[in-house]
Amino acid sequence: MDSQSSLYDITINSITGEAINLNDFKGKKILFVNTASECGFTGQYEDLEKLHKTYKDKLVVIGIPCNQFGGQEPGTLTEIKTFCEVNYGVTFLMTEKVDVKGDNQHPLYAWLTKKELNGVKNSSVKWNFQKYLIDENGDYIDFYYSMTKPLSSKITKQL
């Protein structure tokens, strides 16, 4: 990817296999969260859903399953989808399972974690449920570690 490439040029598939066009979300903020079903932070699904329902007119929440931290997302996409719906009533967008770091890092996470691509800052994904907030124009706002709850004022004040 070129330096400061557009977030909207990146493709990722939904948990059911359809291509997600990030371009469709221009005009809304996007919160990307790498998720896992067997993590101490898994309960954040509940607040992510509340965030999604409360701010749906101006925010898109996208959950991104990842099995790179403690093997805490071992399930198939169908198992993950069912777990999220049954246990947390998740209706926000979920993607395919991806790597958020390392040699097979998904291009979305390359953009989110590399200043040369996002134009703002470098970061590394430390654990499940790390959050990245993007503005209405596809520009990087900031990231929040797992301990930051989805309904934290750190996030909601940006909305």
C-alpha atoms as a PDB file:
ATOM      1  CA  MET A   1       0.000   0.000   0.000  1.00  0.00           C
ATOM      2  CA  ASP A   2       1.132   3.542  -0.674  1.00  0.00           C
ATOM      3  CA  SER A   3       1.848   5.916   2.159  1.00  0.00           C
ATOM      4  CA  GLN A   4      -1.287   7.568   3.474  1.00  0.00           C
ATOM      5  CA  SER A   5      -3.471   5.380   1.298  1.00  0.00           C
ATOM      6  CA  SER A   6      -7.191   5.621   1.846  1.00  0.00           C
ATOM      7  CA  LEU A   7      -8.901   3.407   4.363  1.00  0.00           C
ATOM      8  CA  TYR A   8     -11.738   3.188   1.869  1.00  0.00           C
ATOM      9  CA  ASP A   9      -9.531   1.316  -0.629  1.00  0.00           C
ATOM     10  CA  ILE A  10      -9.145  -1.655   1.722  1.00  0.00           C
ATOM     11  CA  THR A  11     -11.351  -4.702   1.323  1.00  0.00           C
ATOM     12  CA  ILE A  12     -12.397  -7.165   3.995  1.00  0.00           C
ATOM     13  CA  ASN A  13     -15.156  -9.762   4.016  1.00  0.00           C
ATOM     14  CA  SER A  14     -18.065 -10.032   6.423  1.00  0.00           C
ATOM     15  CA  ILE A  15     -18.402 -12.992   8.771  1.00  0.00           C
ATOM     16  CA  THR A  16     -20.797 -14.508   6.201  1.00  0.00           C
ATOM     17  CA  GLY A  17     -18.333 -14.057   3.326  1.00  0.00           C
ATOM     18  CA  GLU A  18     -19.674 -10.992   1.512  1.00  0.00           C
ATOM     19  CA  ALA A  19     -17.245  -8.220   0.600  1.00  0.00           C
ATOM     20  CA  ILE A  20     -17.567  -5.148   2.823  1.00  0.00           C
ATOM     21  CA  ASN A  21     -17.157  -1.858   0.993  1.00  0.00           C
ATOM     22  CA  LEU A  22     -15.786   0.548   3.599  1.00  0.00           C
ATOM     23  CA  ASN A  23     -16.671   3.337   1.154  1.00  0.00           C
ATOM     24  CA  ASP A  24     -20.304   2.738   2.137  1.00  0.00           C
ATOM     25  CA  PHE A  25     -19.508   4.210   5.552  1.00  0.00           C
ATOM     26  CA  LYS A  26     -18.239   7.591   4.392  1.00  0.00           C
ATOM     27  CA  GLY A  27     -19.970  10.243   6.478  1.00  0.00           C
ATOM     28  CA  LYS A  28     -19.950   8.081   9.624  1.00  0.00           C
ATOM     29  CA  LYS A  29     -17.246   7.335  12.133  1.00  0.00           C
ATOM     30  CA  ILE A  30     -16.021   3.726  12.263  1.00  0.00           C
ATOM     31  CA  LEU A  31     -14.892   1.842  15.360  1.00  0.00           C
ATOM     32  CA  PHE A  32     -12.825  -1.241  14.509  1.00  0.00           C
ATOM     33  CA  VAL A  33     -12.421  -3.792  17.318  1.00  0.00           C
ATOM     34  CA  ASN A  34     -10.488  -7.054  17.191  1.00  0.00           C
ATOM     35  CA  THR A  35     -12.679  -9.543  19.027  1.00  0.00           C
ATOM     36  CA  ALA A  36     -12.438 -12.960  20.690  1.00  0.00           C
ATOM     37  CA  SER A  37     -15.098 -15.211  22.204  1.00  0.00           C
ATOM     38  CA  GLU A  38     -13.038 -16.698  25.045  1.00  0.00           C
ATOM     39  CA  CYS A  39     -11.332 -13.598  26.457  1.00  0.00           C
ATOM     40  CA  GLY A  40     -11.683 -11.774  29.753  1.00  0.00           C
ATOM     41  CA  PHE A  41     -12.831  -8.774  27.693  1.00  0.00           C
ATOM     42  CA  THR A  42     -15.489 -10.740  25.762  1.00  0.00           C
ATOM     43  CA  GLY A  43     -18.207  -9.083  27.857  1.00  0.00           C
ATOM     44  CA  GLN A  44     -17.415  -5.883  25.935  1.00  0.00           C
ATOM     45  CA  TYR A  45     -19.623  -7.270  23.160  1.00  0.00           C
ATOM     46  CA  GLU A  46     -22.568  -6.077  25.255  1.00  0.00           C
ATOM     47  CA  ASP A  47     -21.358  -2.466  25.387  1.00  0.00           C
ATOM     48  CA  LEU A  48     -20.253  -2.556  21.744  1.00  0.00           C
ATOM     49  CA  GLU A  49     -23.838  -3.470  20.871  1.00  0.00           C
ATOM     50  CA  LYS A  50     -25.137  -0.605  23.049  1.00  0.00           C
ATOM     51  CA  LEU A  51     -22.687   1.762  21.333  1.00  0.00           C
ATOM     52  CA  HIS A  52     -23.876   0.494  17.946  1.00  0.00           C
ATOM     53  CA  LYS A  53     -27.562   0.992  18.791  1.00  0.00           C
ATOM     54  CA  THR A  54     -27.100   4.357  20.536  1.00  0.00           C
ATOM     55  CA  TYR A  55     -24.930   5.983  17.857  1.00  0.00           C
ATOM     56  CA  LYS A  56     -26.011   4.077  14.718  1.00  0.00           C
ATOM     57  CA  ASP A  57     -26.781   7.307  12.843  1.00  0.00           C
ATOM     58  CA  LYS A  58     -23.177   8.486  13.117  1.00  0.00           C
ATOM     59  CA  LEU A  59     -21.063   5.424  13.995  1.00  0.00           C
ATOM     60  CA  VAL A  60     -20.406   2.019  12.455  1.00  0.00           C
ATOM     61  CA  VAL A  61     -19.052  -0.619  14.843  1.00  0.00           C
ATOM     62  CA  ILE A  62     -17.095  -3.392  13.128  1.00  0.00           C
ATOM     63  CA  GLY A  63     -15.998  -6.456  15.092  1.00  0.00           C
ATOM     64  CA  ILE A  64     -13.025  -8.318  13.659  1.00  0.00           C
ATOM     65  CA  PRO A  65     -12.464 -11.829  15.041  1.00  0.00           C
ATOM     66  CA  CYS A  66      -8.812 -12.675  15.667  1.00  0.00           C
ATOM     67  CA  ASN A  67      -7.205 -15.778  17.186  1.00  0.00           C
ATOM     68  CA  GLN A  68      -3.716 -14.322  17.737  1.00  0.00           C
ATOM     69  CA  PHE A  69      -3.960 -13.606  21.466  1.00  0.00           C
ATOM     70  CA  GLY A  70      -3.998 -16.694  23.652  1.00  0.00           C
ATOM     71  CA  GLY A  71      -5.932 -18.689  21.026  1.00  0.00           C
ATOM     72  CA  GLN A  72      -9.099 -17.096  22.403  1.00  0.00           C
ATOM     73  CA  GLU A  73     -11.045 -17.111  19.118  1.00  0.00           C
ATOM     74  CA  PRO A  74     -10.688 -20.747  18.007  1.00  0.00           C
ATOM     75  CA  GLY A  75     -14.143 -21.198  16.481  1.00  0.00           C
ATOM     76  CA  THR A  76     -15.324 -21.241  12.896  1.00  0.00           C
ATOM     77  CA  LEU A  77     -17.024 -18.137  11.510  1.00  0.00           C
ATOM     78  CA  THR A  78     -20.413 -19.798  11.967  1.00  0.00           C
ATOM     79  CA  GLU A  79     -19.601 -20.626  15.598  1.00  0.00           C
ATOM     80  CA  ILE A  80     -18.378 -17.069  16.244  1.00  0.00           C
ATOM     81  CA  LYS A  81     -21.467 -15.516  14.638  1.00  0.00           C
ATOM     82  CA  THR A  82     -23.808 -17.765  16.644  1.00  0.00           C
ATOM     83  CA  PHE A  83     -21.910 -17.118  19.902  1.00  0.00           C
ATOM     84  CA  CYS A  84     -22.119 -13.338  19.425  1.00  0.00           C
ATOM     85  CA  GLU A  85     -25.809 -13.355  18.519  1.00  0.00           C
ATOM     86  CA  VAL A  86     -26.951 -15.819  21.204  1.00  0.00           C
ATOM     87  CA  ASN A  87     -24.870 -14.526  24.116  1.00  0.00           C
ATOM     88  CA  TYR A  88     -24.699 -10.790  23.387  1.00  0.00           C
ATOM     89  CA  GLY A  89     -27.413 -10.031  20.823  1.00  0.00           C
ATOM     90  CA  VAL A  90     -24.787  -8.687  18.435  1.00  0.00           C
ATOM     91  CA  THR A  91     -26.284  -6.974  15.382  1.00  0.00           C
ATOM     92  CA  PHE A  92     -23.278  -4.817  14.439  1.00  0.00           C
ATOM     93  CA  LEU A  93     -21.085  -5.795  11.521  1.00  0.00           C
ATOM     94  CA  MET A  94     -18.653  -8.653  12.053  1.00  0.00           C
ATOM     95  CA  THR A  95     -15.912  -9.630   9.613  1.00  0.00           C
ATOM     96  CA  GLU A  96     -13.987 -12.709   8.651  1.00  0.00           C
ATOM     97  CA  LYS A  97     -11.280 -13.865  11.082  1.00  0.00           C
ATOM     98  CA  VAL A  98      -7.979 -12.108  10.342  1.00  0.00           C
ATOM     99  CA  ASP A  99      -4.481 -11.581  11.688  1.00  0.00           C
ATOM    100  CA  VAL A 100      -4.020  -8.132  13.202  1.00  0.00           C
ATOM    101  CA  LYS A 101      -0.228  -8.400  13.500  1.00  0.00           C
ATOM    102  CA  GLY A 102       2.680 -10.396  12.100  1.00  0.00           C
ATOM    103  CA  ASP A 103       3.553 -11.722   8.659  1.00  0.00           C
ATOM    104  CA  ASN A 104      -0.083 -12.293   7.643  1.00  0.00           C
ATOM    105  CA  GLN A 105      -1.403  -8.980   8.998  1.00  0.00           C
ATOM    106  CA  HIS A 106      -4.571  -7.963   7.173  1.00  0.00           C
ATOM    107  CA  PRO A 107      -4.183  -4.747   5.103  1.00  0.00           C
ATOM    108  CA  LEU A 108      -6.815  -3.057   7.295  1.00  0.00           C
ATOM    109  CA  TYR A 109      -4.609  -3.539  10.339  1.00  0.00           C
ATOM    110  CA  ALA A 110      -1.521  -2.478   8.421  1.00  0.00           C
ATOM    111  CA  TRP A 111      -3.358   0.815   7.775  1.00  0.00           C
ATOM    112  CA  LEU A 112      -4.579   1.103  11.369  1.00  0.00           C
ATOM    113  CA  THR A 113      -1.141   0.455  12.917  1.00  0.00           C
ATOM    114  CA  LYS A 114       1.320   2.149  10.544  1.00  0.00           C
ATOM    115  CA  LYS A 115       1.760   5.931  10.501  1.00  0.00           C
ATOM    116  CA  GLU A 116       3.145   5.739   6.961  1.00  0.00           C
ATOM    117  CA  LEU A 117      -0.297   4.498   5.874  1.00  0.00           C
ATOM    118  CA  ASN A 118      -2.730   6.286   8.217  1.00  0.00           C
ATOM    119  CA  GLY A 119      -0.764   9.545   8.399  1.00  0.00           C
ATOM    120  CA  VAL A 120      -1.180   9.937  12.167  1.00  0.00           C
ATOM    121  CA  LYS A 121       0.463   7.349  14.394  1.00  0.00           C
ATOM    122  CA  ASN A 122       2.078   3.962  14.781  1.00  0.00           C
ATOM    123  CA  SER A 123       0.628   1.424  17.195  1.00  0.00           C
ATOM    124  CA  SER A 124       0.653  -2.273  17.803  1.00  0.00           C
ATOM    125  CA  VAL A 125      -2.297  -4.423  18.730  1.00  0.00           C
ATOM    126  CA  LYS A 126      -1.563  -5.622  22.260  1.00  0.00           C
ATOM    127  CA  TRP A 127      -4.597  -7.838  22.974  1.00  0.00           C
ATOM    128  CA  ASN A 128      -8.204  -8.651  22.082  1.00  0.00           C
ATOM    129  CA  PHE A 129     -10.739  -5.799  22.061  1.00  0.00           C
ATOM    130  CA  GLN A 130      -8.289  -3.033  21.152  1.00  0.00           C
ATOM    131  CA  LYS A 131     -10.281  -0.297  19.414  1.00  0.00           C
ATOM    132  CA  TYR A 132      -9.481   2.045  16.517  1.00  0.00           C
ATOM    133  CA  LEU A 133     -11.671   5.069  15.778  1.00  0.00           C
ATOM    134  CA  ILE A 134     -11.843   6.625  12.316  1.00  0.00           C
ATOM    135  CA  ASP A 135     -13.652   9.859  11.443  1.00  0.00           C
ATOM    136  CA  GLU A 136     -16.371  10.548   8.859  1.00  0.00           C
ATOM    137  CA  ASN A 137     -13.781  11.178   6.133  1.00  0.00           C
ATOM    138  CA  GLY A 138     -11.786   8.018   6.739  1.00  0.00           C
ATOM    139  CA  ASP A 139      -9.101   9.787   8.768  1.00  0.00           C
ATOM    140  CA  TYR A 140      -7.495   8.172  11.788  1.00  0.00           C
ATOM    141  CA  ILE A 141      -8.614   9.605  15.146  1.00  0.00           C
ATOM    142  CA  ASP A 142      -7.004   7.354  17.783  1.00  0.00           C
ATOM    143  CA  PHE A 143      -6.785   3.888  19.288  1.00  0.00           C
ATOM    144  CA  TYR A 144      -7.805   2.583  22.689  1.00  0.00           C
ATOM    145  CA  TYR A 145      -6.385  -0.416  24.533  1.00  0.00           C
ATOM    146  CA  SER A 146      -8.584  -3.306  25.661  1.00  0.00           C
ATOM    147  CA  MET A 147      -9.124  -1.845  29.132  1.00  0.00           C
ATOM    148  CA  THR A 148     -10.974   1.128  27.620  1.00  0.00           C
ATOM    149  CA  LYS A 149     -14.627   0.169  27.724  1.00  0.00           C
ATOM    150  CA  PRO A 150     -16.701   0.799  24.578  1.00  0.00           C
ATOM    151  CA  LEU A 151     -18.935   3.293  26.407  1.00  0.00           C
ATOM    152  CA  SER A 152     -15.971   5.131  27.947  1.00  0.00           C
ATOM    153  CA  SER A 153     -16.042   8.906  27.642  1.00  0.00           C
ATOM    154  CA  LYS A 154     -12.685   8.591  25.834  1.00  0.00           C
ATOM    155  CA  ILE A 155     -14.671   7.127  22.936  1.00  0.00           C
ATOM    156  CA  THR A 156     -18.129   8.678  23.325  1.00  0.00           C
ATOM    157  CA  LYS A 157     -16.788  12.245  23.510  1.00  0.00           C
ATOM    158  CA  GLN A 158     -15.491  11.699  19.958  1.00  0.00           C
ATOM    159  CA  LEU A 159     -19.008  10.901  18.757  1.00  0.00           C
END
